[in-house]
Amino acid sequence: MAETISRHASERASQRNLSHDDLAFVMQYGQEIHRAGALFIFLGHRHIPKQFRGNRNIMRLAGTALVVSSDCQQVITAYRNRNAIRDIKRKSKRYIPKGCSIWH
C-alpha cells in the first residue's frame, strides 16, 4: 500500500467524495495494472467481495481508479470512471520518457 498521498490526489479525492478509508479499500481489493510507468488500481463491481455488496457506501466505490507511483510509495491521483479498465489497458506497457527517442 502507498505510504503517502500527494496533495493533488488528496484534492481530487475530496472533490470526488473519497475518504482515506475509501482509498485504502480500493487499494486493498482493486485490480492492479502496470502501465505507462505507473501502477493503476481499479475497483470494479466484480472486485468487491460478496460480504460488502449490501453496503451502499462500498458499492459507490465501483469504478474508482487510483494512479500510484511506480515505486508504490505515493498515490498520484484518484478518479472515477466505470469504464476506466478499458482505457487503462490501452495504455503502453512501457514508459518512454519525453525527449527519449527510440530512433537513433
N, C-alpha and C. Protein backbone atom coordinates (compact mmCIF):
# COMPACT_ATOMS: atom_id res chain seq x y z
N MET A 1 0.84 -1.18 0.00
CA MET A 1 0.00 0.00 0.00
C MET A 1 0.88 1.24 0.00
N ALA A 2 0.44 2.26 -0.70
CA ALA A 2 1.21 3.50 -0.79
C ALA A 2 1.32 4.14 0.59
N GLU A 3 2.48 4.70 0.85
CA GLU A 3 2.73 5.30 2.15
C GLU A 3 2.18 6.71 2.26
N THR A 4 2.16 7.45 1.16
CA THR A 4 1.70 8.83 1.20
C THR A 4 0.71 9.10 0.08
N ILE A 5 0.01 10.20 0.23
CA ILE A 5 -0.93 10.65 -0.79
C ILE A 5 -0.49 12.05 -1.21
N SER A 6 -0.29 12.26 -2.49
CA SER A 6 0.14 13.58 -2.96
C SER A 6 -0.95 14.61 -2.70
N ARG A 7 -0.55 15.86 -2.70
CA ARG A 7 -1.52 16.94 -2.49
C ARG A 7 -2.57 16.92 -3.59
N HIS A 8 -2.13 16.65 -4.81
CA HIS A 8 -3.07 16.57 -5.94
C HIS A 8 -4.08 15.44 -5.72
N ALA A 9 -3.60 14.27 -5.29
CA ALA A 9 -4.50 13.13 -5.05
C ALA A 9 -5.47 13.44 -3.92
N SER A 10 -4.98 14.11 -2.89
CA SER A 10 -5.85 14.47 -1.77
C SER A 10 -6.96 15.43 -2.23
N GLU A 11 -6.60 16.40 -3.06
CA GLU A 11 -7.60 17.33 -3.59
C GLU A 11 -8.61 16.61 -4.47
N ARG A 12 -8.13 15.75 -5.35
CA ARG A 12 -9.03 15.02 -6.24
C ARG A 12 -9.94 14.07 -5.47
N ALA A 13 -9.39 13.42 -4.46
CA ALA A 13 -10.20 12.51 -3.65
C ALA A 13 -11.31 13.28 -2.93
N SER A 14 -10.99 14.44 -2.39
CA SER A 14 -12.03 15.21 -1.70
C SER A 14 -13.07 15.73 -2.68
N GLN A 15 -12.67 16.09 -3.90
CA GLN A 15 -13.62 16.52 -4.92
C GLN A 15 -14.55 15.39 -5.33
N ARG A 16 -14.08 14.18 -5.22
CA ARG A 16 -14.86 13.01 -5.61
C ARG A 16 -15.48 12.29 -4.42
N ASN A 17 -15.44 12.95 -3.27
CA ASN A 17 -16.05 12.44 -2.04
C ASN A 17 -15.47 11.06 -1.66
N LEU A 18 -14.14 10.95 -1.73
CA LEU A 18 -13.45 9.73 -1.35
C LEU A 18 -12.62 9.99 -0.10
N SER A 19 -12.88 9.22 0.95
CA SER A 19 -12.12 9.38 2.19
C SER A 19 -10.85 8.53 2.10
N HIS A 20 -9.98 8.69 3.10
CA HIS A 20 -8.77 7.87 3.16
C HIS A 20 -9.13 6.40 3.32
N ASP A 21 -10.20 6.11 4.05
CA ASP A 21 -10.66 4.73 4.19
C ASP A 21 -11.13 4.17 2.85
N ASP A 22 -11.79 5.01 2.04
CA ASP A 22 -12.23 4.59 0.71
C ASP A 22 -11.02 4.25 -0.17
N LEU A 23 -9.99 5.10 -0.12
CA LEU A 23 -8.78 4.86 -0.90
C LEU A 23 -8.10 3.56 -0.45
N ALA A 24 -8.08 3.34 0.85
CA ALA A 24 -7.47 2.11 1.39
C ALA A 24 -8.25 0.88 0.91
N PHE A 25 -9.58 0.97 0.86
CA PHE A 25 -10.40 -0.14 0.39
C PHE A 25 -10.10 -0.44 -1.08
N VAL A 26 -10.02 0.61 -1.88
CA VAL A 26 -9.72 0.44 -3.31
C VAL A 26 -8.34 -0.20 -3.47
N MET A 27 -7.38 0.25 -2.68
CA MET A 27 -6.03 -0.31 -2.79
C MET A 27 -5.99 -1.78 -2.36
N GLN A 28 -6.81 -2.13 -1.38
CA GLN A 28 -6.80 -3.49 -0.89
C GLN A 28 -7.47 -4.47 -1.85
N TYR A 29 -8.61 -4.08 -2.43
CA TYR A 29 -9.40 -5.01 -3.23
C TYR A 29 -9.35 -4.76 -4.74
N GLY A 30 -8.79 -3.63 -5.17
CA GLY A 30 -8.77 -3.30 -6.59
C GLY A 30 -7.79 -4.13 -7.39
N GLN A 31 -8.00 -4.15 -8.68
CA GLN A 31 -7.12 -4.86 -9.61
C GLN A 31 -5.93 -3.98 -9.94
N GLU A 32 -4.72 -4.52 -9.82
CA GLU A 32 -3.50 -3.78 -10.11
C GLU A 32 -3.09 -4.00 -11.55
N ILE A 33 -2.81 -2.90 -12.26
CA ILE A 33 -2.38 -2.96 -13.65
C ILE A 33 -1.19 -2.03 -13.81
N HIS A 34 -0.06 -2.56 -14.26
CA HIS A 34 1.13 -1.74 -14.50
C HIS A 34 1.10 -1.26 -15.95
N ARG A 35 1.03 0.04 -16.12
CA ARG A 35 1.01 0.64 -17.46
C ARG A 35 1.67 2.01 -17.40
N ALA A 36 2.34 2.37 -18.48
CA ALA A 36 2.87 3.72 -18.71
C ALA A 36 3.71 4.23 -17.54
N GLY A 37 4.49 3.36 -16.92
CA GLY A 37 5.38 3.79 -15.84
C GLY A 37 4.70 4.05 -14.52
N ALA A 38 3.48 3.59 -14.36
CA ALA A 38 2.74 3.79 -13.12
C ALA A 38 1.93 2.53 -12.81
N LEU A 39 1.43 2.49 -11.61
CA LEU A 39 0.55 1.40 -11.19
C LEU A 39 -0.87 1.96 -11.11
N PHE A 40 -1.78 1.37 -11.86
CA PHE A 40 -3.19 1.75 -11.81
C PHE A 40 -3.90 0.71 -10.96
N ILE A 41 -4.73 1.16 -10.06
CA ILE A 41 -5.54 0.25 -9.24
C ILE A 41 -6.99 0.59 -9.52
N PHE A 42 -7.71 -0.37 -10.08
CA PHE A 42 -9.10 -0.17 -10.48
C PHE A 42 -10.00 -1.09 -9.67
N LEU A 43 -11.04 -0.51 -9.08
CA LEU A 43 -12.02 -1.28 -8.33
C LEU A 43 -13.31 -1.35 -9.14
N GLY A 44 -13.52 -2.49 -9.75
CA GLY A 44 -14.75 -2.72 -10.49
C GLY A 44 -15.77 -3.42 -9.60
N HIS A 45 -16.97 -3.54 -10.08
CA HIS A 45 -18.04 -4.19 -9.33
C HIS A 45 -17.64 -5.61 -8.94
N ARG A 46 -17.01 -6.32 -9.86
CA ARG A 46 -16.64 -7.72 -9.60
C ARG A 46 -15.51 -7.86 -8.59
N HIS A 47 -14.77 -6.79 -8.32
CA HIS A 47 -13.67 -6.86 -7.36
C HIS A 47 -14.13 -6.68 -5.92
N ILE A 48 -15.36 -6.23 -5.73
CA ILE A 48 -15.89 -6.02 -4.39
C ILE A 48 -16.30 -7.37 -3.81
N PRO A 49 -15.75 -7.75 -2.65
CA PRO A 49 -16.11 -9.04 -2.04
C PRO A 49 -17.60 -9.11 -1.74
N LYS A 50 -18.14 -10.31 -1.80
CA LYS A 50 -19.58 -10.51 -1.62
C LYS A 50 -20.09 -10.00 -0.28
N GLN A 51 -19.29 -10.09 0.77
CA GLN A 51 -19.77 -9.65 2.07
C GLN A 51 -19.99 -8.13 2.14
N PHE A 52 -19.43 -7.37 1.17
CA PHE A 52 -19.60 -5.91 1.16
C PHE A 52 -20.65 -5.44 0.15
N ARG A 53 -21.19 -6.34 -0.64
CA ARG A 53 -22.09 -5.91 -1.72
C ARG A 53 -23.42 -5.35 -1.24
N GLY A 54 -23.80 -5.58 -0.02
CA GLY A 54 -25.03 -4.99 0.50
C GLY A 54 -24.81 -3.60 1.07
N ASN A 55 -23.57 -3.18 1.19
CA ASN A 55 -23.22 -1.89 1.77
C ASN A 55 -23.17 -0.82 0.67
N ARG A 56 -24.08 0.13 0.74
CA ARG A 56 -24.17 1.18 -0.30
C ARG A 56 -22.92 2.04 -0.34
N ASN A 57 -22.31 2.29 0.83
CA ASN A 57 -21.10 3.11 0.86
C ASN A 57 -19.93 2.44 0.15
N ILE A 58 -19.88 1.12 0.19
CA ILE A 58 -18.83 0.39 -0.51
C ILE A 58 -19.17 0.29 -2.00
N MET A 59 -20.42 0.01 -2.32
CA MET A 59 -20.82 -0.16 -3.71
C MET A 59 -20.62 1.11 -4.54
N ARG A 60 -20.68 2.26 -3.90
CA ARG A 60 -20.48 3.51 -4.64
C ARG A 60 -19.03 3.66 -5.12
N LEU A 61 -18.13 2.84 -4.56
CA LEU A 61 -16.73 2.91 -4.96
C LEU A 61 -16.45 2.18 -6.27
N ALA A 62 -17.41 1.40 -6.76
CA ALA A 62 -17.21 0.69 -8.03
C ALA A 62 -16.93 1.72 -9.12
N GLY A 63 -15.87 1.50 -9.89
CA GLY A 63 -15.48 2.43 -10.94
C GLY A 63 -14.40 3.40 -10.49
N THR A 64 -13.89 3.25 -9.28
CA THR A 64 -12.85 4.14 -8.78
C THR A 64 -11.49 3.62 -9.23
N ALA A 65 -10.66 4.54 -9.70
CA ALA A 65 -9.30 4.20 -10.13
C ALA A 65 -8.30 5.09 -9.41
N LEU A 66 -7.20 4.51 -9.01
CA LEU A 66 -6.10 5.24 -8.40
C LEU A 66 -4.87 5.08 -9.27
N VAL A 67 -4.07 6.13 -9.36
CA VAL A 67 -2.79 6.06 -10.03
C VAL A 67 -1.73 6.20 -8.95
N VAL A 68 -0.86 5.17 -8.87
CA VAL A 68 0.17 5.12 -7.83
C VAL A 68 1.53 5.17 -8.51
N SER A 69 2.50 5.82 -7.88
CA SER A 69 3.84 5.91 -8.45
C SER A 69 4.40 4.52 -8.68
N SER A 70 5.34 4.42 -9.61
CA SER A 70 5.90 3.11 -9.98
C SER A 70 6.59 2.42 -8.82
N ASP A 71 7.06 3.18 -7.83
CA ASP A 71 7.70 2.56 -6.66
C ASP A 71 6.69 2.27 -5.55
N CYS A 72 5.41 2.49 -5.83
CA CYS A 72 4.30 2.22 -4.89
C CYS A 72 4.41 3.01 -3.59
N GLN A 73 5.04 4.16 -3.63
CA GLN A 73 5.23 4.96 -2.43
C GLN A 73 4.19 6.07 -2.29
N GLN A 74 3.55 6.48 -3.38
CA GLN A 74 2.65 7.64 -3.32
C GLN A 74 1.48 7.49 -4.28
N VAL A 75 0.29 7.84 -3.79
CA VAL A 75 -0.89 7.91 -4.65
C VAL A 75 -0.79 9.24 -5.39
N ILE A 76 -0.83 9.17 -6.72
CA ILE A 76 -0.67 10.37 -7.54
C ILE A 76 -2.01 11.06 -7.78
N THR A 77 -3.04 10.28 -8.12
CA THR A 77 -4.36 10.86 -8.35
C THR A 77 -5.43 9.78 -8.18
N ALA A 78 -6.66 10.24 -8.09
CA ALA A 78 -7.82 9.34 -7.96
C ALA A 78 -8.92 9.87 -8.86
N TYR A 79 -9.61 8.96 -9.51
CA TYR A 79 -10.74 9.37 -10.35
C TYR A 79 -11.76 8.25 -10.42
N ARG A 80 -12.92 8.60 -10.96
CA ARG A 80 -13.99 7.61 -11.12
C ARG A 80 -14.39 7.53 -12.58
N ASN A 81 -14.44 6.32 -13.06
CA ASN A 81 -14.88 6.06 -14.42
C ASN A 81 -15.16 4.57 -14.49
N ARG A 82 -16.40 4.20 -14.64
CA ARG A 82 -16.76 2.78 -14.64
C ARG A 82 -16.12 2.02 -15.79
N ASN A 83 -15.71 2.72 -16.84
CA ASN A 83 -15.06 2.09 -17.99
C ASN A 83 -13.55 2.32 -18.00
N ALA A 84 -12.99 2.72 -16.88
CA ALA A 84 -11.57 3.06 -16.81
C ALA A 84 -10.68 1.88 -17.16
N ILE A 85 -11.10 0.67 -16.85
CA ILE A 85 -10.27 -0.50 -17.12
C ILE A 85 -9.96 -0.61 -18.60
N ARG A 86 -10.90 -0.26 -19.44
CA ARG A 86 -10.69 -0.30 -20.89
C ARG A 86 -9.62 0.71 -21.30
N ASP A 87 -9.70 1.92 -20.76
CA ASP A 87 -8.73 2.96 -21.09
C ASP A 87 -7.34 2.63 -20.54
N ILE A 88 -7.30 2.07 -19.35
CA ILE A 88 -6.01 1.72 -18.74
C ILE A 88 -5.31 0.65 -19.55
N LYS A 89 -6.05 -0.34 -19.98
CA LYS A 89 -5.44 -1.44 -20.73
C LYS A 89 -4.95 -1.01 -22.11
N ARG A 90 -5.43 0.11 -22.62
CA ARG A 90 -4.97 0.62 -23.91
C ARG A 90 -3.64 1.34 -23.81
N LYS A 91 -3.25 1.74 -22.62
CA LYS A 91 -2.00 2.47 -22.44
C LYS A 91 -0.81 1.57 -22.75
N SER A 92 0.29 2.21 -23.09
CA SER A 92 1.51 1.47 -23.39
C SER A 92 2.00 0.73 -22.15
N LYS A 93 2.51 -0.47 -22.35
CA LYS A 93 3.04 -1.24 -21.24
C LYS A 93 4.38 -0.69 -20.78
N ARG A 94 5.08 -0.04 -21.68
CA ARG A 94 6.38 0.52 -21.35
C ARG A 94 6.27 2.02 -21.22
N TYR A 95 7.18 2.58 -20.46
CA TYR A 95 7.24 4.02 -20.30
C TYR A 95 8.44 4.54 -21.05
N ILE A 96 8.22 5.44 -21.97
CA ILE A 96 9.32 6.09 -22.71
C ILE A 96 9.29 7.57 -22.31
N PRO A 97 10.30 8.01 -21.54
CA PRO A 97 10.31 9.40 -21.10
C PRO A 97 10.32 10.37 -22.26
N LYS A 98 9.77 11.56 -22.03
CA LYS A 98 9.79 12.61 -23.05
C LYS A 98 11.23 12.93 -23.42
N GLY A 99 11.45 13.16 -24.68
CA GLY A 99 12.79 13.50 -25.14
C GLY A 99 13.62 12.29 -25.50
N CYS A 100 13.17 11.11 -25.12
CA CYS A 100 13.89 9.89 -25.50
C CYS A 100 13.41 9.46 -26.87
N SER A 101 14.32 9.11 -27.67
CA SER A 101 13.96 8.64 -29.00
C SER A 101 14.43 7.22 -29.19
N ILE A 102 13.54 6.38 -29.66
CA ILE A 102 13.94 5.01 -29.94
C ILE A 102 14.59 4.92 -31.31
N TRP A 103 14.48 6.00 -32.09
CA TRP A 103 15.10 6.06 -33.42
C TRP A 103 16.40 6.86 -33.28
N HIS A 104 17.49 6.25 -33.57
CA HIS A 104 18.80 6.92 -33.39
C HIS A 104 19.24 7.57 -34.64
